Every structure is written in structure tokens, then in C-alpha cells.
Amino acid sequence: RPSALRGDRPVRRARRRRYPNIDRLSGSCRADLRRLERSRFW
């Protein structure tokens, strides 16, 4: 079992998004947004 392999390490869970993704944007546009938010915003 994966839990037996990990031992006592806590399971890392995905953080839930506070705001939904903007619908109808392409993957490249979302990637550009992520890049811009990392460099200039939050």
C-alpha cells in the first residue's frame, strides 16, 4: 500500500482554489496569466 511505503509522512493534499478559473481561456493564455501573476501580482 502507498501508506505503508510513506510511513509517517503526512499526505500532501491539493490546495483548493479560492476563485474559479476563467472559463473559455486557452491553455497558453492561462500559462501567460500564471507567469504574469508570479512576476508582478499574486
All heavy atoms as atom14 arrays in JSON, in Angstrom:
{
  "sequence": "RPSALRGDRPVRRARRRRYPNIDRLSGSCRADLRRLERSRFW",
  "atom14_mask": [
    [1, 1, 1, 1, 1, 1, 1, 1, 1, 1, 1, 0, 0, 0],
    [1, 1, 1, 1, 1, 1, 1, 0, 0, 0, 0, 0, 0, 0],
    [1, 1, 1, 1, 1, 1, 0, 0, 0, 0, 0, 0, 0, 0],
    [1, 1, 1, 1, 1, 0, 0, 0, 0, 0, 0, 0, 0, 0],
    [1, 1, 1, 1, 1, 1, 1, 1, 0, 0, 0, 0, 0, 0],
    [1, 1, 1, 1, 1, 1, 1, 1, 1, 1, 1, 0, 0, 0],
    [1, 1, 1, 1, 0, 0, 0, 0, 0, 0, 0, 0, 0, 0],
    [1, 1, 1, 1, 1, 1, 1, 1, 0, 0, 0, 0, 0, 0],
    [1, 1, 1, 1, 1, 1, 1, 1, 1, 1, 1, 0, 0, 0],
    [1, 1, 1, 1, 1, 1, 1, 0, 0, 0, 0, 0, 0, 0],
    [1, 1, 1, 1, 1, 1, 1, 0, 0, 0, 0, 0, 0, 0],
    [1, 1, 1, 1, 1, 1, 1, 1, 1, 1, 1, 0, 0, 0],
    [1, 1, 1, 1, 1, 1, 1, 1, 1, 1, 1, 0, 0, 0],
    [1, 1, 1, 1, 1, 0, 0, 0, 0, 0, 0, 0, 0, 0],
    [1, 1, 1, 1, 1, 1, 1, 1, 1, 1, 1, 0, 0, 0],
    [1, 1, 1, 1, 1, 1, 1, 1, 1, 1, 1, 0, 0, 0],
    [1, 1, 1, 1, 1, 1, 1, 1, 1, 1, 1, 0, 0, 0],
    [1, 1, 1, 1, 1, 1, 1, 1, 1, 1, 1, 0, 0, 0],
    [1, 1, 1, 1, 1, 1, 1, 1, 1, 1, 1, 1, 0, 0],
    [1, 1, 1, 1, 1, 1, 1, 0, 0, 0, 0, 0, 0, 0],
    [1, 1, 1, 1, 1, 1, 1, 1, 0, 0, 0, 0, 0, 0],
    [1, 1, 1, 1, 1, 1, 1, 1, 0, 0, 0, 0, 0, 0],
    [1, 1, 1, 1, 1, 1, 1, 1, 0, 0, 0, 0, 0, 0],
    [1, 1, 1, 1, 1, 1, 1, 1, 1, 1, 1, 0, 0, 0],
    [1, 1, 1, 1, 1, 1, 1, 1, 0, 0, 0, 0, 0, 0],
    [1, 1, 1, 1, 1, 1, 0, 0, 0, 0, 0, 0, 0, 0],
    [1, 1, 1, 1, 0, 0, 0, 0, 0, 0, 0, 0, 0, 0],
    [1, 1, 1, 1, 1, 1, 0, 0, 0, 0, 0, 0, 0, 0],
    [1, 1, 1, 1, 1, 1, 0, 0, 0, 0, 0, 0, 0, 0],
    [1, 1, 1, 1, 1, 1, 1, 1, 1, 1, 1, 0, 0, 0],
    [1, 1, 1, 1, 1, 0, 0, 0, 0, 0, 0, 0, 0, 0],
    [1, 1, 1, 1, 1, 1, 1, 1, 0, 0, 0, 0, 0, 0],
    [1, 1, 1, 1, 1, 1, 1, 1, 0, 0, 0, 0, 0, 0],
    [1, 1, 1, 1, 1, 1, 1, 1, 1, 1, 1, 0, 0, 0],
    [1, 1, 1, 1, 1, 1, 1, 1, 1, 1, 1, 0, 0, 0],
    [1, 1, 1, 1, 1, 1, 1, 1, 0, 0, 0, 0, 0, 0],
    [1, 1, 1, 1, 1, 1, 1, 1, 1, 0, 0, 0, 0, 0],
    [1, 1, 1, 1, 1, 1, 1, 1, 1, 1, 1, 0, 0, 0],
    [1, 1, 1, 1, 1, 1, 0, 0, 0, 0, 0, 0, 0, 0],
    [1, 1, 1, 1, 1, 1, 1, 1, 1, 1, 1, 0, 0, 0],
    [1, 1, 1, 1, 1, 1, 1, 1, 1, 1, 1, 0, 0, 0],
    [1, 1, 1, 1, 1, 1, 1, 1, 1, 1, 1, 1, 1, 1]
  ],
  "atom14_positions": [
    [[0.84, -1.2, 0.0], [0.0, 0.0, 0.0], [0.88, 1.25, 0.0], [1.95, 1.26, 0.62], [-0.88, 0.03, 1.24], [-1.93, -1.05, 1.27], [-2.86, -0.82, 2.44], [-2.17, -0.35, 3.64], [-1.92, -1.08, 4.71], [-2.29, -2.33, 4.74], [-1.31, -0.57, 5.74], [0.0, 0.0, 0.0], [0.0, 0.0, 0.0], [0.0, 0.0, 0.0]],
    [[0.45, 2.34, -0.65], [1.24, 3.57, -0.64], [1.46, 4.12, 0.77], [2.51, 4.66, 1.07], [0.4, 4.53, -1.48], [-0.39, 3.67, -2.36], [-0.67, 2.43, -1.58], [0.0, 0.0, 0.0], [0.0, 0.0, 0.0], [0.0, 0.0, 0.0], [0.0, 0.0, 0.0], [0.0, 0.0, 0.0], [0.0, 0.0, 0.0], [0.0, 0.0, 0.0]],
    [[0.48, 3.95, 1.66], [0.65, 4.45, 3.02], [1.73, 3.68, 3.76], [2.44, 4.23, 4.61], [-0.67, 4.36, 3.79], [-1.1, 3.01, 3.85], [0.0, 0.0, 0.0], [0.0, 0.0, 0.0], [0.0, 0.0, 0.0], [0.0, 0.0, 0.0], [0.0, 0.0, 0.0], [0.0, 0.0, 0.0], [0.0, 0.0, 0.0], [0.0, 0.0, 0.0]],
    [[1.91, 2.4, 3.43], [2.97, 1.62, 4.05], [4.33, 2.07, 3.54], [5.32, 2.03, 4.28], [2.75, 0.13, 3.77], [0.0, 0.0, 0.0], [0.0, 0.0, 0.0], [0.0, 0.0, 0.0], [0.0, 0.0, 0.0], [0.0, 0.0, 0.0], [0.0, 0.0, 0.0], [0.0, 0.0, 0.0], [0.0, 0.0, 0.0], [0.0, 0.0, 0.0]],
    [[4.42, 2.49, 2.32], [5.68, 2.97, 1.76], [6.06, 4.33, 2.34], [7.23, 4.61, 2.56], [5.59, 3.06, 0.24], [5.45, 1.74, -0.5], [5.21, 2.0, -1.97], [6.68, 0.9, -0.29], [0.0, 0.0, 0.0], [0.0, 0.0, 0.0], [0.0, 0.0, 0.0], [0.0, 0.0, 0.0], [0.0, 0.0, 0.0], [0.0, 0.0, 0.0]],
    [[5.06, 5.17, 2.51], [5.34, 6.53, 3.01], [5.69, 6.55, 4.48], [6.4, 7.43, 4.94], [4.13, 7.42, 2.78], [4.01, 7.94, 1.38], [2.99, 9.03, 1.31], [1.65, 8.56, 1.61], [0.79, 8.1, 0.71], [1.15, 8.01, -0.54], [-0.4, 7.69, 1.07], [0.0, 0.0, 0.0], [0.0, 0.0, 0.0], [0.0, 0.0, 0.0]],
    [[5.15, 5.64, 5.23], [5.41, 5.64, 6.66], [4.6, 6.71, 7.37], [3.39, 6.82, 7.18], [0.0, 0.0, 0.0], [0.0, 0.0, 0.0], [0.0, 0.0, 0.0], [0.0, 0.0, 0.0], [0.0, 0.0, 0.0], [0.0, 0.0, 0.0], [0.0, 0.0, 0.0], [0.0, 0.0, 0.0], [0.0, 0.0, 0.0], [0.0, 0.0, 0.0]],
    [[5.27, 7.51, 8.18], [4.57, 8.52, 8.97], [4.51, 9.89, 8.31], [4.03, 10.85, 8.92], [5.27, 8.67, 10.33], [5.13, 7.41, 11.15], [4.15, 6.67, 10.93], [6.0, 7.16, 11.99], [0.0, 0.0, 0.0], [0.0, 0.0, 0.0], [0.0, 0.0, 0.0], [0.0, 0.0, 0.0], [0.0, 0.0, 0.0], [0.0, 0.0, 0.0]],
    [[5.0, 9.99, 7.09], [4.95, 11.28, 6.41], [3.51, 11.66, 6.11], [2.71, 10.82, 5.69], [5.75, 11.25, 5.11], [7.23, 11.12, 5.36], [8.01, 11.3, 4.11], [7.33, 10.74, 2.93], [7.93, 10.43, 1.82], [9.21, 10.57, 1.7], [7.25, 9.94, 0.81], [0.0, 0.0, 0.0], [0.0, 0.0, 0.0], [0.0, 0.0, 0.0]],
    [[3.15, 12.92, 6.32], [1.76, 13.32, 6.05], [1.46, 13.33, 4.55], [2.34, 13.55, 3.73], [1.68, 14.74, 6.62], [3.07, 15.23, 6.64], [3.95, 14.02, 6.84], [0.0, 0.0, 0.0], [0.0, 0.0, 0.0], [0.0, 0.0, 0.0], [0.0, 0.0, 0.0], [0.0, 0.0, 0.0], [0.0, 0.0, 0.0], [0.0, 0.0, 0.0]],
    [[0.22, 13.06, 4.25], [-0.22, 13.05, 2.86], [-0.42, 14.5, 2.43], [-1.08, 15.28, 3.11], [-1.53, 12.27, 2.71], [-2.04, 12.33, 1.29], [-1.33, 10.84, 3.16], [0.0, 0.0, 0.0], [0.0, 0.0, 0.0], [0.0, 0.0, 0.0], [0.0, 0.0, 0.0], [0.0, 0.0, 0.0], [0.0, 0.0, 0.0], [0.0, 0.0, 0.0]],
    [[0.17, 14.84, 1.3], [0.05, 16.21, 0.8], [-1.2, 16.32, -0.05], [-1.39, 15.58, -1.0], [1.27, 16.54, -0.04], [1.49, 17.97, -0.22], [2.8, 18.19, -0.88], [2.62, 19.31, -1.79], [3.4, 19.63, -2.76], [4.45, 18.89, -2.99], [3.16, 20.64, -3.51], [0.0, 0.0, 0.0], [0.0, 0.0, 0.0], [0.0, 0.0, 0.0]],
    [[-2.07, 17.26, 0.3], [-3.32, 17.42, -0.43], [-3.27, 18.68, -1.27], [-2.63, 19.65, -0.91], [-4.48, 17.5, 0.53], [-4.52, 16.23, 1.34], [-5.74, 16.06, 2.07], [-5.49, 14.84, 2.84], [-6.4, 14.16, 3.42], [-7.61, 14.55, 3.35], [-6.1, 13.08, 4.09], [0.0, 0.0, 0.0], [0.0, 0.0, 0.0], [0.0, 0.0, 0.0]],
    [[-3.97, 18.64, -2.36], [-4.02, 19.8, -3.24], [-4.8, 20.92, -2.56], [-5.83, 20.7, -1.93], [-4.69, 19.43, -4.56], [0.0, 0.0, 0.0], [0.0, 0.0, 0.0], [0.0, 0.0, 0.0], [0.0, 0.0, 0.0], [0.0, 0.0, 0.0], [0.0, 0.0, 0.0], [0.0, 0.0, 0.0], [0.0, 0.0, 0.0], [0.0, 0.0, 0.0]],
    [[-4.27, 22.13, -2.7], [-4.92, 23.28, -2.12], [-6.14, 23.65, -2.96], [-6.08, 23.69, -4.18], [-3.95, 24.46, -2.1], [-4.47, 25.68, -1.41], [-3.4, 26.75, -1.38], [-3.11, 27.23, -2.73], [-3.64, 28.33, -3.26], [-4.48, 29.04, -2.58], [-3.3, 28.7, -4.48], [0.0, 0.0, 0.0], [0.0, 0.0, 0.0], [0.0, 0.0, 0.0]],
    [[-7.24, 23.9, -2.31], [-8.46, 24.26, -3.02], [-8.38, 25.7, -3.48], [-7.98, 26.59, -2.73], [-9.66, 24.07, -2.09], [-10.96, 24.28, -2.78], [-12.09, 23.86, -1.89], [-13.31, 24.33, -2.52], [-14.25, 24.97, -1.87], [-14.14, 25.18, -0.59], [-15.32, 25.38, -2.51], [0.0, 0.0, 0.0], [0.0, 0.0, 0.0], [0.0, 0.0, 0.0]],
    [[-8.78, 25.95, -4.71], [-8.74, 27.3, -5.27], [-9.82, 28.16, -4.62], [-10.94, 27.72, -4.42], [-8.96, 27.25, -6.77], [-7.87, 26.51, -7.51], [-8.13, 26.52, -8.98], [-8.18, 27.85, -9.55], [-7.12, 28.56, -9.91], [-5.93, 28.04, -9.78], [-7.25, 29.75, -10.44], [0.0, 0.0, 0.0], [0.0, 0.0, 0.0], [0.0, 0.0, 0.0]],
    [[-9.45, 29.41, -4.33], [-10.44, 30.34, -3.75], [-11.38, 30.87, -4.8], [-12.53, 31.15, -4.53], [-9.72, 31.5, -3.07], [-8.99, 31.08, -1.83], [-8.33, 32.2, -1.1], [-8.58, 33.5, -1.65], [-7.83, 34.56, -1.45], [-6.75, 34.45, -0.72], [-8.12, 35.72, -1.97], [0.0, 0.0, 0.0], [0.0, 0.0, 0.0], [0.0, 0.0, 0.0]],
    [[-10.89, 31.05, -6.01], [-11.69, 31.6, -7.1], [-11.64, 30.64, -8.27], [-10.6, 30.04, -8.55], [-11.16, 32.98, -7.52], [-11.28, 33.98, -6.41], [-10.21, 34.25, -5.58], [-12.48, 34.61, -6.17], [-10.33, 35.15, -4.54], [-12.62, 35.51, -5.13], [-11.54, 35.78, -4.33], [-11.67, 36.66, -3.29], [0.0, 0.0, 0.0], [0.0, 0.0, 0.0]],
    [[-12.75, 30.5, -8.99], [-12.76, 29.56, -10.12], [-11.91, 30.07, -11.28], [-11.68, 31.27, -11.42], [-14.24, 29.5, -10.52], [-14.83, 30.76, -10.01], [-14.04, 31.13, -8.78], [0.0, 0.0, 0.0], [0.0, 0.0, 0.0], [0.0, 0.0, 0.0], [0.0, 0.0, 0.0], [0.0, 0.0, 0.0], [0.0, 0.0, 0.0], [0.0, 0.0, 0.0]],
    [[-11.46, 29.14, -12.11], [-10.73, 29.51, -13.32], [-11.62, 30.34, -14.23], [-12.84, 30.19, -14.22], [-10.27, 28.26, -14.07], [-9.07, 27.63, -13.44], [-8.26, 28.29, -12.82], [-8.96, 26.33, -13.58], [0.0, 0.0, 0.0], [0.0, 0.0, 0.0], [0.0, 0.0, 0.0], [0.0, 0.0, 0.0], [0.0, 0.0, 0.0], [0.0, 0.0, 0.0]],
    [[-11.0, 31.16, -15.03], [-11.76, 31.93, -16.02], [-12.09, 30.98, -17.16], [-11.2, 30.39, -17.78], [-10.93, 33.13, -16.52], [-10.57, 34.03, -15.33], [-11.71, 33.9, -17.57], [-9.61, 35.15, -15.69], [0.0, 0.0, 0.0], [0.0, 0.0, 0.0], [0.0, 0.0, 0.0], [0.0, 0.0, 0.0], [0.0, 0.0, 0.0], [0.0, 0.0, 0.0]],
    [[-13.38, 30.82, -17.43], [-13.82, 29.9, -18.47], [-13.42, 30.39, -19.85], [-13.23, 31.58, -20.08], [-15.34, 29.73, -18.42], [-15.79, 29.04, -17.16], [-14.96, 28.35, -16.55], [-16.96, 29.21, -16.78], [0.0, 0.0, 0.0], [0.0, 0.0, 0.0], [0.0, 0.0, 0.0], [0.0, 0.0, 0.0], [0.0, 0.0, 0.0], [0.0, 0.0, 0.0]],
    [[-13.33, 29.48, -20.78], [-13.09, 29.74, -22.2], [-11.74, 30.37, -22.5], [-11.6, 31.09, -23.48], [-14.21, 30.59, -22.78], [-15.57, 29.92, -22.7], [-16.62, 30.78, -23.3], [-16.64, 32.09, -22.73], [-17.66, 32.64, -22.09], [-18.75, 31.97, -21.94], [-17.6, 33.85, -21.6], [0.0, 0.0, 0.0], [0.0, 0.0, 0.0], [0.0, 0.0, 0.0]],
    [[-10.75, 30.16, -21.66], [-9.4, 30.61, -21.97], [-8.56, 29.42, -22.4], [-8.69, 28.33, -21.84], [-8.74, 31.28, -20.76], [-9.23, 32.66, -20.37], [-8.41, 33.18, -19.19], [-9.14, 33.63, -21.52], [0.0, 0.0, 0.0], [0.0, 0.0, 0.0], [0.0, 0.0, 0.0], [0.0, 0.0, 0.0], [0.0, 0.0, 0.0], [0.0, 0.0, 0.0]],
    [[-7.7, 29.63, -23.36], [-6.84, 28.54, -23.83], [-5.75, 28.25, -22.8], [-5.5, 29.04, -21.88], [-6.21, 28.92, -25.17], [-5.31, 29.99, -24.98], [0.0, 0.0, 0.0], [0.0, 0.0, 0.0], [0.0, 0.0, 0.0], [0.0, 0.0, 0.0], [0.0, 0.0, 0.0], [0.0, 0.0, 0.0], [0.0, 0.0, 0.0], [0.0, 0.0, 0.0]],
    [[-5.1, 27.14, -22.98], [-4.01, 26.76, -22.08], [-2.84, 27.73, -22.14], [-2.22, 28.03, -21.12], [0.0, 0.0, 0.0], [0.0, 0.0, 0.0], [0.0, 0.0, 0.0], [0.0, 0.0, 0.0], [0.0, 0.0, 0.0], [0.0, 0.0, 0.0], [0.0, 0.0, 0.0], [0.0, 0.0, 0.0], [0.0, 0.0, 0.0], [0.0, 0.0, 0.0]],
    [[-2.55, 28.23, -23.33], [-1.44, 29.17, -23.45], [-1.76, 30.5, -22.75], [-0.89, 31.11, -22.15], [-1.1, 29.42, -24.92], [-2.19, 29.99, -25.59], [0.0, 0.0, 0.0], [0.0, 0.0, 0.0], [0.0, 0.0, 0.0], [0.0, 0.0, 0.0], [0.0, 0.0, 0.0], [0.0, 0.0, 0.0], [0.0, 0.0, 0.0], [0.0, 0.0, 0.0]],
    [[-3.01, 30.91, -22.82], [-3.41, 32.14, -22.13], [-3.32, 31.96, -20.62], [-2.86, 32.85, -19.9], [-4.81, 32.55, -22.55], [-5.36, 34.11, -21.83], [0.0, 0.0, 0.0], [0.0, 0.0, 0.0], [0.0, 0.0, 0.0], [0.0, 0.0, 0.0], [0.0, 0.0, 0.0], [0.0, 0.0, 0.0], [0.0, 0.0, 0.0], [0.0, 0.0, 0.0]],
    [[-3.75, 30.81, -20.14], [-3.66, 30.54, -18.69], [-2.2, 30.49, -18.24], [-1.86, 30.97, -17.17], [-4.35, 29.23, -18.36], [-5.84, 29.32, -18.46], [-6.49, 27.99, -18.18], [-7.85, 28.02, -18.66], [-8.87, 27.53, -18.0], [-8.68, 26.94, -16.85], [-10.08, 27.6, -18.5], [0.0, 0.0, 0.0], [0.0, 0.0, 0.0], [0.0, 0.0, 0.0]],
    [[-1.35, 29.92, -19.07], [0.07, 29.87, -18.73], [0.66, 31.27, -18.69], [1.46, 31.6, -17.81], [0.82, 29.01, -19.74], [0.0, 0.0, 0.0], [0.0, 0.0, 0.0], [0.0, 0.0, 0.0], [0.0, 0.0, 0.0], [0.0, 0.0, 0.0], [0.0, 0.0, 0.0], [0.0, 0.0, 0.0], [0.0, 0.0, 0.0], [0.0, 0.0, 0.0]],
    [[0.28, 32.13, -19.64], [0.74, 33.52, -19.62], [0.26, 34.25, -18.38], [0.99, 35.04, -17.79], [0.28, 34.25, -20.89], [1.0, 33.78, -22.13], [2.11, 33.24, -21.99], [0.44, 33.96, -23.23], [0.0, 0.0, 0.0], [0.0, 0.0, 0.0], [0.0, 0.0, 0.0], [0.0, 0.0, 0.0], [0.0, 0.0, 0.0], [0.0, 0.0, 0.0]],
    [[-0.99, 33.98, -17.99], [-1.52, 34.6, -16.77], [-0.73, 34.15, -15.54], [-0.4, 34.98, -14.68], [-3.0, 34.23, -16.58], [-4.01, 35.09, -17.29], [-5.41, 34.52, -17.09], [-3.96, 36.5, -16.79], [0.0, 0.0, 0.0], [0.0, 0.0, 0.0], [0.0, 0.0, 0.0], [0.0, 0.0, 0.0], [0.0, 0.0, 0.0], [0.0, 0.0, 0.0]],
    [[-0.46, 32.86, -15.44], [0.31, 32.35, -14.29], [1.71, 32.98, -14.25], [2.19, 33.37, -13.19], [0.47, 30.83, -14.36], [-0.8, 30.06, -14.29], [-1.42, 30.13, -12.9], [-2.73, 29.52, -12.92], [-3.87, 30.17, -13.04], [-3.86, 31.48, -13.13], [-5.02, 29.56, -13.04], [0.0, 0.0, 0.0], [0.0, 0.0, 0.0], [0.0, 0.0, 0.0]],
    [[2.34, 33.07, -15.4], [3.67, 33.68, -15.48], [3.62, 35.15, -15.04], [4.47, 35.6, -14.28], [4.18, 33.57, -16.92], [5.64, 33.35, -17.03], [6.07, 33.07, -18.47], [5.56, 31.78, -18.94], [4.75, 31.61, -19.98], [4.36, 32.64, -20.7], [4.34, 30.41, -20.33], [0.0, 0.0, 0.0], [0.0, 0.0, 0.0], [0.0, 0.0, 0.0]],
    [[2.62, 35.87, -15.5], [2.48, 37.28, -15.14], [2.18, 37.45, -13.66], [2.74, 38.33, -13.0], [1.37, 37.92, -15.98], [1.08, 39.39, -15.74], [2.28, 40.23, -16.16], [-0.17, 39.81, -16.48], [0.0, 0.0, 0.0], [0.0, 0.0, 0.0], [0.0, 0.0, 0.0], [0.0, 0.0, 0.0], [0.0, 0.0, 0.0], [0.0, 0.0, 0.0]],
    [[1.32, 36.6, -13.12], [0.98, 36.69, -11.7], [2.18, 36.35, -10.82], [2.33, 36.92, -9.74], [-0.2, 35.77, -11.38], [-1.51, 36.29, -11.93], [-2.65, 35.31, -11.75], [-2.39, 34.14, -11.38], [-3.79, 35.72, -11.99], [0.0, 0.0, 0.0], [0.0, 0.0, 0.0], [0.0, 0.0, 0.0], [0.0, 0.0, 0.0], [0.0, 0.0, 0.0]],
    [[3.02, 35.43, -11.25], [4.22, 35.12, -10.47], [5.18, 36.28, -10.44], [5.85, 36.52, -9.43], [4.92, 33.89, -11.06], [4.52, 32.6, -10.43], [5.5, 31.49, -10.76], [5.85, 31.4, -12.16], [5.25, 30.63, -13.05], [4.27, 29.86, -12.67], [5.64, 30.6, -14.3], [0.0, 0.0, 0.0], [0.0, 0.0, 0.0], [0.0, 0.0, 0.0]],
    [[5.28, 37.02, -11.53], [6.28, 38.08, -11.59], [5.77, 39.43, -11.08], [6.53, 40.18, -10.49], [6.79, 38.24, -13.03], [5.74, 38.64, -13.88], [0.0, 0.0, 0.0], [0.0, 0.0, 0.0], [0.0, 0.0, 0.0], [0.0, 0.0, 0.0], [0.0, 0.0, 0.0], [0.0, 0.0, 0.0], [0.0, 0.0, 0.0], [0.0, 0.0, 0.0]],
    [[4.49, 39.76, -11.29], [4.03, 41.1, -10.95], [2.93, 41.16, -9.9], [2.76, 42.2, -9.25], [3.51, 41.79, -12.21], [4.61, 42.12, -13.17], [4.12, 42.87, -14.36], [3.48, 44.12, -14.03], [2.92, 44.91, -14.92], [2.94, 44.57, -16.19], [2.36, 46.02, -14.57], [0.0, 0.0, 0.0], [0.0, 0.0, 0.0], [0.0, 0.0, 0.0]],
    [[2.14, 40.11, -9.75], [0.99, 40.15, -8.85], [1.08, 39.0, -7.85], [2.16, 38.6, -7.49], [-0.31, 40.08, -9.66], [-0.43, 41.17, -10.69], [-0.35, 40.88, -12.04], [-0.59, 42.49, -10.31], [-0.45, 41.87, -12.99], [-0.68, 43.49, -11.25], [-0.62, 43.18, -12.59], [0.0, 0.0, 0.0], [0.0, 0.0, 0.0], [0.0, 0.0, 0.0]],
    [[-0.03, 38.47, -7.42], [-0.07, 37.33, -6.52], [-0.87, 36.22, -7.2], [-1.61, 36.47, -8.14], [-0.68, 37.71, -5.17], [-2.08, 38.22, -5.26], [-3.23, 37.5, -5.15], [-2.49, 39.58, -5.5], [-4.33, 38.3, -5.31], [-3.9, 39.59, -5.52], [-1.82, 40.76, -5.71], [-4.63, 40.74, -5.74], [-2.57, 41.92, -5.92], [-3.95, 41.9, -5.92]]
  ]
}
